[in-house]
Amino acid sequence: MAEGPGVIGYYTLSSYTINPGELPDELACKLPRYPNLPATLIGRLAVDRRYQRKGFGEELLLDALKRCFATTSEAGSLAVVVEAENAKAIQFYQSYGFIQFPDHCNGPQNLDTKMAFS
């Protein structure tokens, strides 16, 4: 996302795998019994400080989720994963339905969205 020659915000998408043992039991029991499950990682979603709290983060996240959904027919993905770096980011993602991996509540802040599971 850019305004003139400057960058307002950005994100990256990449393939990812989830160990089913990291998921809450109520989600893991609904998924195939594989050692690793395919997912999509939204990496480094960020908005320039001058543009924060103006809706650009939401716009970037929704664009990323649309792209994740569009590619699931070509590259299977059961979930979308983000790595939130602080409490403010955790709250942002949780407001869009992401849930925190149980094993990461006091360590790395990995979040996983309910909406990506079908």
Protein backbone atom coordinates (compact mmCIF):
# COMPACT_ATOMS: atom_id res chain seq x y z
CA MET A 1 0.00 0.00 0.00
CA ALA A 2 1.54 3.28 -1.05
CA GLU A 3 0.83 6.98 -1.21
CA GLY A 4 2.90 8.70 -3.84
CA PRO A 5 6.50 7.50 -3.54
CA GLY A 6 6.09 6.50 0.14
CA VAL A 7 4.94 3.21 1.63
CA ILE A 8 1.98 3.30 4.02
CA GLY A 9 2.03 -0.39 4.92
CA TYR A 10 2.81 -3.89 3.73
CA TYR A 11 2.50 -7.61 4.47
CA THR A 12 3.89 -10.87 3.15
CA LEU A 13 2.20 -14.24 2.57
CA SER A 14 3.93 -17.60 2.65
CA SER A 15 3.17 -21.28 3.08
CA TYR A 16 3.30 -22.55 6.64
CA THR A 17 2.60 -25.72 8.60
CA ILE A 18 0.94 -26.19 11.97
CA ASN A 19 1.57 -29.04 14.38
CA PRO A 20 -1.96 -30.14 15.39
CA GLY A 21 -0.71 -30.56 18.96
CA GLU A 22 -0.32 -26.78 19.19
CA LEU A 23 -4.03 -26.19 18.57
CA PRO A 24 -6.83 -26.10 21.12
CA ASP A 25 -8.39 -29.58 21.45
CA GLU A 26 -11.79 -28.39 20.20
CA LEU A 27 -10.18 -27.36 16.89
CA ALA A 28 -7.65 -30.18 16.55
CA CYS A 29 -10.33 -32.89 16.89
CA LYS A 30 -12.13 -31.51 13.78
CA LEU A 31 -9.07 -31.67 11.54
CA PRO A 32 -7.40 -34.49 9.61
CA ARG A 33 -4.91 -36.60 11.56
CA TYR A 34 -1.68 -35.50 9.87
CA PRO A 35 1.63 -34.71 11.58
CA ASN A 36 1.53 -31.21 10.07
CA LEU A 37 -1.36 -29.22 8.64
CA PRO A 38 -1.03 -26.74 5.77
CA ALA A 39 -1.58 -23.07 6.58
CA THR A 40 -0.75 -19.63 5.27
CA LEU A 41 1.41 -17.23 7.25
CA ILE A 42 0.74 -13.50 7.10
CA GLY A 43 4.18 -12.19 7.88
CA ARG A 44 5.23 -8.73 8.90
CA LEU A 45 1.92 -6.91 8.47
CA ALA A 46 2.89 -3.33 9.30
CA VAL A 47 1.67 0.23 8.88
CA ASP A 48 3.89 3.33 8.97
CA ARG A 49 3.48 5.09 12.35
CA ARG A 50 2.16 8.23 10.63
CA TYR A 51 -0.77 6.24 9.23
CA GLN A 52 -1.65 4.04 12.20
CA ARG A 53 -5.18 4.15 13.64
CA LYS A 54 -6.63 5.29 10.31
CA GLY A 55 -7.94 1.92 9.09
CA PHE A 56 -4.95 0.93 6.97
CA GLY A 57 -4.11 -2.08 9.16
CA GLU A 58 -7.63 -3.39 8.73
CA GLU A 59 -7.48 -2.79 4.98
CA LEU A 60 -4.18 -4.67 4.71
CA LEU A 61 -5.41 -7.56 6.88
CA LEU A 62 -8.63 -7.94 4.88
CA ASP A 63 -6.70 -7.84 1.61
CA ALA A 64 -4.32 -10.51 2.93
CA LEU A 65 -7.21 -12.72 4.07
CA LYS A 66 -8.93 -12.38 0.67
CA ARG A 67 -5.72 -13.44 -1.06
CA CYS A 68 -5.30 -16.38 1.35
CA PHE A 69 -8.83 -17.53 0.62
CA ALA A 70 -8.39 -17.12 -3.15
CA THR A 71 -5.32 -19.36 -3.19
CA THR A 72 -6.75 -22.21 -1.10
CA SER A 73 -8.11 -23.95 -4.21
CA GLU A 74 -4.59 -24.10 -5.67
CA ALA A 75 -2.50 -24.56 -2.53
CA GLY A 76 -4.40 -26.17 0.32
CA SER A 77 -4.52 -24.21 3.55
CA LEU A 78 -6.60 -24.93 6.65
CA ALA A 79 -5.70 -21.79 8.57
CA VAL A 80 -4.15 -18.37 8.48
CA VAL A 81 -1.40 -17.76 11.03
CA VAL A 82 0.14 -14.50 12.22
CA GLU A 83 2.92 -13.79 14.69
CA ALA A 84 1.89 -10.88 16.88
CA GLU A 85 4.86 -9.12 18.44
CA ASN A 86 3.12 -7.38 21.35
CA ALA A 87 -0.13 -7.09 23.33
CA LYS A 88 -1.46 -4.34 21.06
CA ALA A 89 -1.00 -6.56 18.00
CA ILE A 90 -2.62 -9.50 19.81
CA GLN A 91 -5.69 -7.36 20.54
CA PHE A 92 -5.81 -6.20 16.91
CA TYR A 93 -5.82 -9.76 15.55
CA GLN A 94 -8.22 -11.05 18.19
CA SER A 95 -10.70 -8.35 17.19
CA TYR A 96 -10.84 -10.09 13.79
CA GLY A 97 -11.43 -13.57 15.21
CA PHE A 98 -7.87 -14.83 15.59
CA ILE A 99 -7.26 -17.07 18.57
CA GLN A 100 -3.99 -17.54 20.38
CA PHE A 101 -2.26 -20.91 20.25
CA PRO A 102 -2.46 -22.31 23.83
CA ASP A 103 1.27 -23.12 24.03
CA HIS A 104 2.19 -19.56 23.08
CA CYS A 105 0.23 -17.61 25.69
CA ASN A 106 3.43 -16.81 27.61
CA GLY A 107 5.97 -17.18 24.81
CA PRO A 108 6.01 -16.44 21.09
CA GLN A 109 2.74 -14.77 20.20
CA ASN A 110 1.40 -17.04 17.47
CA LEU A 111 -2.25 -16.50 16.63
CA ASP A 112 -4.53 -18.61 14.51
CA THR A 113 -7.84 -17.59 13.00
CA LYS A 114 -11.08 -19.55 13.50
CA MET A 115 -12.37 -18.40 10.14
CA ALA A 116 -9.69 -20.23 8.15
CA PHE A 117 -10.81 -23.64 9.43
CA SER A 118 -13.60 -25.31 7.47
